[in-house]
Amino acid sequence: RRRRLQLYVFVMRCIAYPFNAKQPTDLARRQTKVTKAQLQTIKERFHAFLNGETHIVADEAFTNAVQSYYEVFLKSDRVANMVRSGGCSANDFREVFKNNIEKRVRSLPEIDGLSKETVLSSWMAKYDAIYRGDEDPRKQPQRISTAASELILSKEQLYEMFQNILN
C-alpha cells in the first residue's frame, strides 16, 4: 500500500511539473547550434562578400575586418571541430566578430561627426546582413516567432496531452 502511494505521488509530480514550471518565453536565450552545412554556407557568404558579389556597401576598414574574421576564425580547424561537436551557436560567431571589430574600431582615429559606437553598430548591421545572406530581414522575426510557438506548449495543451496519455 505504501509503495503504491509513493508511485502515485511520483506520477502526480511528474504530471504537475510542466504546469508549475516556468515556460521558456525568452527563446533568444536558447541559441541554436551551427551545423557543418550552415558553417559552409556562412563561409560561402563571407567569401562572396569579400569578392564583391553582394549588394552590401562597405569601406576598406570593414572589408579588412571581415577578411581577418574569415581567414582567422571561419576557416580555422578549431571552429570546424567546435561546430562538429555542436559547441557553436550563431550568437558565438557574432560575439567573436563583435570583439574583433571593437578592438579595430577603438584603434581607428576619431572621425568628425561620427562616433565609434555608430561605426560599431553599422558594422554589426553589415555583419548580420552578410551572415543572413540575401534573406529579407523582415522575414526573420516571423520565422522565429513561428518556431517559438511550435516549441512552447500552453498549459491547456499540456493538460490535453496528459489527458490523452492517461486515457
C-alpha atoms as a PDB file:
ATOM      1  CA  ARG A   1       0.000   0.000   0.000  1.00  0.00           C
ATOM      2  CA  ARG A   2       2.814   2.423   0.875  1.00  0.00           C
ATOM      3  CA  ARG A   3       4.629   1.568  -2.371  1.00  0.00           C
ATOM      4  CA  ARG A   4       1.507   2.356  -4.404  1.00  0.00           C
ATOM      5  CA  LEU A   5       1.108   5.677  -2.633  1.00  0.00           C
ATOM      6  CA  GLN A   6       4.745   6.587  -3.365  1.00  0.00           C
ATOM      7  CA  LEU A   7       4.289   5.632  -7.013  1.00  0.00           C
ATOM      8  CA  TYR A   8       1.076   7.679  -7.182  1.00  0.00           C
ATOM      9  CA  VAL A   9       2.816  10.759  -5.690  1.00  0.00           C
ATOM     10  CA  PHE A  10       5.741  10.333  -8.085  1.00  0.00           C
ATOM     11  CA  VAL A  11       3.455  10.139 -11.129  1.00  0.00           C
ATOM     12  CA  MET A  12       1.427  13.137  -9.948  1.00  0.00           C
ATOM     13  CA  ARG A  13       4.599  15.192  -9.503  1.00  0.00           C
ATOM     14  CA  CYS A  14       5.765  14.220 -12.990  1.00  0.00           C
ATOM     15  CA  ILE A  15       2.434  15.297 -14.426  1.00  0.00           C
ATOM     16  CA  ALA A  16       2.220  18.513 -12.398  1.00  0.00           C
ATOM     17  CA  TYR A  17       5.776  19.683 -13.075  1.00  0.00           C
ATOM     18  CA  PRO A  18       5.179  21.067 -16.593  1.00  0.00           C
ATOM     19  CA  PHE A  19       2.171  23.022 -15.334  1.00  0.00           C
ATOM     20  CA  ASN A  20       4.103  24.611 -12.479  1.00  0.00           C
ATOM     21  CA  ALA A  21       7.449  25.067 -14.215  1.00  0.00           C
ATOM     22  CA  LYS A  22       8.340  28.341 -15.864  1.00  0.00           C
ATOM     23  CA  GLN A  23       7.790  28.247 -19.587  1.00  0.00           C
ATOM     24  CA  PRO A  24      10.765  29.256 -21.749  1.00  0.00           C
ATOM     25  CA  THR A  25       9.370  32.505 -23.083  1.00  0.00           C
ATOM     26  CA  ASP A  26      12.706  34.073 -23.943  1.00  0.00           C
ATOM     27  CA  LEU A  27      13.842  31.960 -26.876  1.00  0.00           C
ATOM     28  CA  ALA A  28      16.503  34.479 -27.807  1.00  0.00           C
ATOM     29  CA  ARG A  29      18.493  32.969 -24.937  1.00  0.00           C
ATOM     30  CA  ARG A  30      18.125  29.443 -26.339  1.00  0.00           C
ATOM     31  CA  GLN A  31      20.672  29.521 -29.145  1.00  0.00           C
ATOM     32  CA  THR A  32      20.519  27.059 -31.983  1.00  0.00           C
ATOM     33  CA  LYS A  33      23.745  25.279 -32.769  1.00  0.00           C
ATOM     34  CA  VAL A  34      25.543  25.866 -36.059  1.00  0.00           C
ATOM     35  CA  THR A  35      25.795  22.711 -38.185  1.00  0.00           C
ATOM     36  CA  LYS A  36      28.561  21.780 -40.618  1.00  0.00           C
ATOM     37  CA  ALA A  37      26.310  22.643 -43.572  1.00  0.00           C
ATOM     38  CA  GLN A  38      25.480  26.030 -42.044  1.00  0.00           C
ATOM     39  CA  LEU A  39      29.176  26.708 -41.414  1.00  0.00           C
ATOM     40  CA  GLN A  40      29.878  26.026 -45.076  1.00  0.00           C
ATOM     41  CA  THR A  41      27.054  28.373 -46.100  1.00  0.00           C
ATOM     42  CA  ILE A  42      28.390  31.072 -43.765  1.00  0.00           C
ATOM     43  CA  LYS A  43      31.880  30.700 -45.237  1.00  0.00           C
ATOM     44  CA  GLU A  44      30.441  30.991 -48.755  1.00  0.00           C
ATOM     45  CA  ARG A  45      28.505  34.151 -47.842  1.00  0.00           C
ATOM     46  CA  PHE A  46      31.560  35.858 -46.361  1.00  0.00           C
ATOM     47  CA  HIS A  47      33.684  34.743 -49.313  1.00  0.00           C
ATOM     48  CA  ALA A  48      31.086  36.200 -51.695  1.00  0.00           C
ATOM     49  CA  PHE A  49      31.190  39.493 -49.776  1.00  0.00           C
ATOM     50  CA  LEU A  50      34.984  39.622 -49.964  1.00  0.00           C
ATOM     51  CA  ASN A  51      34.818  39.001 -53.719  1.00  0.00           C
ATOM     52  CA  GLY A  52      32.333  41.856 -54.136  1.00  0.00           C
ATOM     53  CA  GLU A  53      29.465  39.561 -55.137  1.00  0.00           C
ATOM     54  CA  THR A  54      26.988  41.023 -52.637  1.00  0.00           C
ATOM     55  CA  HIS A  55      24.990  44.249 -52.596  1.00  0.00           C
ATOM     56  CA  ILE A  56      26.458  45.314 -49.243  1.00  0.00           C
ATOM     57  CA  VAL A  57      28.426  48.560 -49.446  1.00  0.00           C
ATOM     58  CA  ALA A  58      31.480  48.707 -47.197  1.00  0.00           C
ATOM     59  CA  ASP A  59      34.589  50.775 -46.615  1.00  0.00           C
ATOM     60  CA  GLU A  60      38.129  49.435 -46.607  1.00  0.00           C
ATOM     61  CA  ALA A  61      38.348  49.139 -42.810  1.00  0.00           C
ATOM     62  CA  PHE A  62      35.206  46.978 -42.611  1.00  0.00           C
ATOM     63  CA  THR A  63      36.366  44.830 -45.529  1.00  0.00           C
ATOM     64  CA  ASN A  64      39.708  44.296 -43.765  1.00  0.00           C
ATOM     65  CA  ALA A  65      37.888  43.312 -40.564  1.00  0.00           C
ATOM     66  CA  VAL A  66      35.747  40.804 -42.470  1.00  0.00           C
ATOM     67  CA  GLN A  67      38.843  39.482 -44.276  1.00  0.00           C
ATOM     68  CA  SER A  68      40.553  38.895 -40.923  1.00  0.00           C
ATOM     69  CA  TYR A  69      37.425  37.264 -39.436  1.00  0.00           C
ATOM     70  CA  TYR A  70      37.092  34.999 -42.469  1.00  0.00           C
ATOM     71  CA  GLU A  71      40.754  33.966 -42.629  1.00  0.00           C
ATOM     72  CA  VAL A  72      41.480  33.650 -38.910  1.00  0.00           C
ATOM     73  CA  PHE A  73      38.150  32.491 -37.478  1.00  0.00           C
ATOM     74  CA  LEU A  74      35.819  30.967 -40.072  1.00  0.00           C
ATOM     75  CA  LYS A  75      38.489  28.963 -41.886  1.00  0.00           C
ATOM     76  CA  SER A  76      40.149  27.674 -38.700  1.00  0.00           C
ATOM     77  CA  ASP A  77      40.185  23.987 -37.827  1.00  0.00           C
ATOM     78  CA  ARG A  78      39.227  24.795 -34.242  1.00  0.00           C
ATOM     79  CA  VAL A  79      35.931  26.320 -35.358  1.00  0.00           C
ATOM     80  CA  ALA A  80      35.261  23.330 -37.618  1.00  0.00           C
ATOM     81  CA  ASN A  81      35.891  20.984 -34.667  1.00  0.00           C
ATOM     82  CA  MET A  82      33.665  23.035 -32.365  1.00  0.00           C
ATOM     83  CA  VAL A  83      30.857  23.012 -34.942  1.00  0.00           C
ATOM     84  CA  ARG A  84      31.287  19.271 -35.464  1.00  0.00           C
ATOM     85  CA  SER A  85      30.918  18.716 -31.718  1.00  0.00           C
ATOM     86  CA  GLY A  86      27.889  21.045 -31.514  1.00  0.00           C
ATOM     87  CA  GLY A  87      29.667  23.674 -29.458  1.00  0.00           C
ATOM     88  CA  CYS A  88      28.974  26.819 -31.506  1.00  0.00           C
ATOM     89  CA  SER A  89      25.875  28.939 -31.869  1.00  0.00           C
ATOM     90  CA  ALA A  90      25.170  31.789 -34.269  1.00  0.00           C
ATOM     91  CA  ASN A  91      25.473  34.146 -31.316  1.00  0.00           C
ATOM     92  CA  ASP A  92      29.003  32.841 -30.624  1.00  0.00           C
ATOM     93  CA  PHE A  93      30.020  33.690 -34.200  1.00  0.00           C
ATOM     94  CA  ARG A  94      28.517  37.169 -33.810  1.00  0.00           C
ATOM     95  CA  GLU A  95      30.297  37.775 -30.487  1.00  0.00           C
ATOM     96  CA  VAL A  96      33.678  36.778 -31.949  1.00  0.00           C
ATOM     97  CA  PHE A  97      33.184  39.259 -34.794  1.00  0.00           C
ATOM     98  CA  LYS A  98      31.987  41.959 -32.387  1.00  0.00           C
ATOM     99  CA  ASN A  99      35.036  41.537 -30.120  1.00  0.00           C
ATOM    100  CA  ASN A 100      37.302  41.621 -33.169  1.00  0.00           C
ATOM    101  CA  ILE A 101      35.846  44.839 -34.579  1.00  0.00           C
ATOM    102  CA  GLU A 102      35.683  46.564 -31.185  1.00  0.00           C
ATOM    103  CA  LYS A 103      39.471  46.312 -30.993  1.00  0.00           C
ATOM    104  CA  ARG A 104      39.803  47.607 -34.555  1.00  0.00           C
ATOM    105  CA  VAL A 105      37.366  50.494 -34.153  1.00  0.00           C
ATOM    106  CA  ARG A 106      38.995  51.619 -30.885  1.00  0.00           C
ATOM    107  CA  SER A 107      42.315  51.916 -32.732  1.00  0.00           C
ATOM    108  CA  LEU A 108      40.812  53.966 -35.600  1.00  0.00           C
ATOM    109  CA  PRO A 109      41.213  57.747 -35.471  1.00  0.00           C
ATOM    110  CA  GLU A 110      38.132  59.735 -34.415  1.00  0.00           C
ATOM    111  CA  ILE A 111      36.073  60.967 -37.366  1.00  0.00           C
ATOM    112  CA  ASP A 112      34.255  64.302 -37.075  1.00  0.00           C
ATOM    113  CA  GLY A 113      30.534  63.805 -36.566  1.00  0.00           C
ATOM    114  CA  LEU A 114      30.784  60.016 -36.413  1.00  0.00           C
ATOM    115  CA  SER A 115      31.118  58.287 -33.057  1.00  0.00           C
ATOM    116  CA  LYS A 116      32.850  54.948 -32.678  1.00  0.00           C
ATOM    117  CA  GLU A 117      29.609  53.471 -31.316  1.00  0.00           C
ATOM    118  CA  THR A 118      27.865  54.440 -34.558  1.00  0.00           C
ATOM    119  CA  VAL A 119      30.615  52.741 -36.567  1.00  0.00           C
ATOM    120  CA  LEU A 120      30.312  49.605 -34.395  1.00  0.00           C
ATOM    121  CA  SER A 121      26.538  49.379 -34.805  1.00  0.00           C
ATOM    122  CA  SER A 122      26.823  49.994 -38.555  1.00  0.00           C
ATOM    123  CA  TRP A 123      29.442  47.263 -38.903  1.00  0.00           C
ATOM    124  CA  MET A 124      27.351  44.833 -36.853  1.00  0.00           C
ATOM    125  CA  ALA A 125      24.341  45.533 -39.087  1.00  0.00           C
ATOM    126  CA  LYS A 126      26.502  44.799 -42.140  1.00  0.00           C
ATOM    127  CA  TYR A 127      27.803  41.623 -40.472  1.00  0.00           C
ATOM    128  CA  ASP A 128      24.218  40.494 -39.830  1.00  0.00           C
ATOM    129  CA  ALA A 129      23.335  41.176 -43.467  1.00  0.00           C
ATOM    130  CA  ILE A 130      26.291  39.093 -44.672  1.00  0.00           C
ATOM    131  CA  TYR A 131      25.544  36.314 -42.167  1.00  0.00           C
ATOM    132  CA  ARG A 132      21.892  36.107 -43.254  1.00  0.00           C
ATOM    133  CA  GLY A 133      22.783  36.189 -46.912  1.00  0.00           C
ATOM    134  CA  ASP A 134      20.130  37.579 -49.224  1.00  0.00           C
ATOM    135  CA  GLU A 135      17.280  36.951 -46.792  1.00  0.00           C
ATOM    136  CA  ASP A 136      14.833  39.756 -46.163  1.00  0.00           C
ATOM    137  CA  PRO A 137      15.393  40.844 -42.540  1.00  0.00           C
ATOM    138  CA  ARG A 138      11.630  41.344 -42.097  1.00  0.00           C
ATOM    139  CA  LYS A 139      11.032  37.608 -42.616  1.00  0.00           C
ATOM    140  CA  GLN A 140      13.415  36.639 -39.802  1.00  0.00           C
ATOM    141  CA  PRO A 141      11.295  37.643 -36.754  1.00  0.00           C
ATOM    142  CA  GLN A 142       8.235  35.984 -38.269  1.00  0.00           C
ATOM    143  CA  ARG A 143      10.109  32.708 -38.716  1.00  0.00           C
ATOM    144  CA  ILE A 144      11.467  32.872 -35.167  1.00  0.00           C
ATOM    145  CA  SER A 145       8.036  33.526 -33.683  1.00  0.00           C
ATOM    146  CA  THR A 146       6.585  30.638 -35.689  1.00  0.00           C
ATOM    147  CA  ALA A 147       9.283  28.324 -34.360  1.00  0.00           C
ATOM    148  CA  ALA A 148       8.732  29.650 -30.841  1.00  0.00           C
ATOM    149  CA  SER A 149       5.010  28.992 -30.947  1.00  0.00           C
ATOM    150  CA  GLU A 150       5.702  25.420 -32.037  1.00  0.00           C
ATOM    151  CA  LEU A 151       8.214  24.840 -29.222  1.00  0.00           C
ATOM    152  CA  ILE A 152       6.162  26.190 -26.328  1.00  0.00           C
ATOM    153  CA  LEU A 153       3.011  24.367 -25.327  1.00  0.00           C
ATOM    154  CA  SER A 154       0.400  26.293 -23.404  1.00  0.00           C
ATOM    155  CA  LYS A 155      -0.776  24.853 -20.098  1.00  0.00           C
ATOM    156  CA  GLU A 156      -4.038  23.863 -21.769  1.00  0.00           C
ATOM    157  CA  GLN A 157      -2.153  21.970 -24.485  1.00  0.00           C
ATOM    158  CA  LEU A 158      -0.010  20.244 -21.859  1.00  0.00           C
ATOM    159  CA  TYR A 159      -3.112  19.292 -19.883  1.00  0.00           C
ATOM    160  CA  GLU A 160      -4.778  17.916 -23.007  1.00  0.00           C
ATOM    161  CA  MET A 161      -1.637  15.975 -23.919  1.00  0.00           C
ATOM    162  CA  PHE A 162      -1.505  14.360 -20.456  1.00  0.00           C
ATOM    163  CA  GLN A 163      -5.216  13.555 -20.617  1.00  0.00           C
ATOM    164  CA  ASN A 164      -4.638  11.769 -23.919  1.00  0.00           C
ATOM    165  CA  ILE A 165      -1.699   9.854 -22.449  1.00  0.00           C
ATOM    166  CA  LEU A 166      -3.596   8.816 -19.333  1.00  0.00           C
ATOM    167  CA  ASN A 167      -6.737   7.699 -21.187  1.00  0.00           C
END
